[in-house]
Amino acid sequence: MTTSTPPKKILVIDIGGTNLKVLATGRRTMEKFASGPKMTPQAMTADILAGTAGWEYDAISIGYPGPVKNERPIVEPFNLGKGWVKFDYEKAFGKPVKVINDAAMQALGSYEGGRMLFLGLGTGLGSALVIDGVLQPLELAHLPYKNGKTFEQHVGLAGMKHYGKRKWRKIVADVAMRLRFATQTDYAVLGGGNSRLLKVLPPDCRLGQNSNAFLGGFRIWESEAKSKKRAAGKL
């Protein structure tokens, strides 16, 4: 569902393998709900509707831990229960809903102008581009890198455990440099939970903040409204 003007109050849901994090426009503190391998979309909806009873919001943004196309998940999540691809989120919540890849949502919230590459260093590798305010989710994680392994196998959690933190940091710097050059971006933002382990940042890179995912969830509705105006020749 789309709207002609951005909603005034938005509920943002950031889905993780351990927790769901929730924040709404005008609220200062987020709420957490346990997730995990038994968490289905039905259970998520029930938990959030009960836990946010009394909150005011007009629309919902969901950061989903997997590929998303046309605002719908296209692959079941690795660390959660099943049923996410075919689930009707708008019917369940009774509100307009946008589903976006979680790395893309954090990327949009991290954006500060120009051409930006976002790399999310977590269990895997999330990635997205934002160019002149336009978001483009990417799937770079499974592209080949070195020694018959992918980018994700080197800079994800498994890579860090295999190589050790010292070598992993050097690999992250090399990967960031290669991907930033390939995408011709002005700078890269390194986010995700493991980015905090970096001691020295690669050139033209800065650290992201996990809280930027919420900002991205708010911005996605503004971005849609701007895109519509641009398409109509009003910008």
Foldseek 3Di string as FASTA:
>chain_A
DADLAFWPKEWEWEDDLFWIWIDMPPDDGIDIDGFWAAHDVLNVLVVVCVVCPPDDGAEYEYADAADDDPQAHDDADDTYYDDRRPDDVCVSNVHHYGYDHLQQLLVLLQDDAAWEWEWAAEQFIFIWIAHRNDTGGDDQGQDCDPPRGGLRCCRHPVNCVVPPLVVSLVSVLVVLVVVCVVRVTQAYEYEHDCVVSHPDHHPRYYYTDSVSSVVSRSCVSVSVNVVVCVVVVND
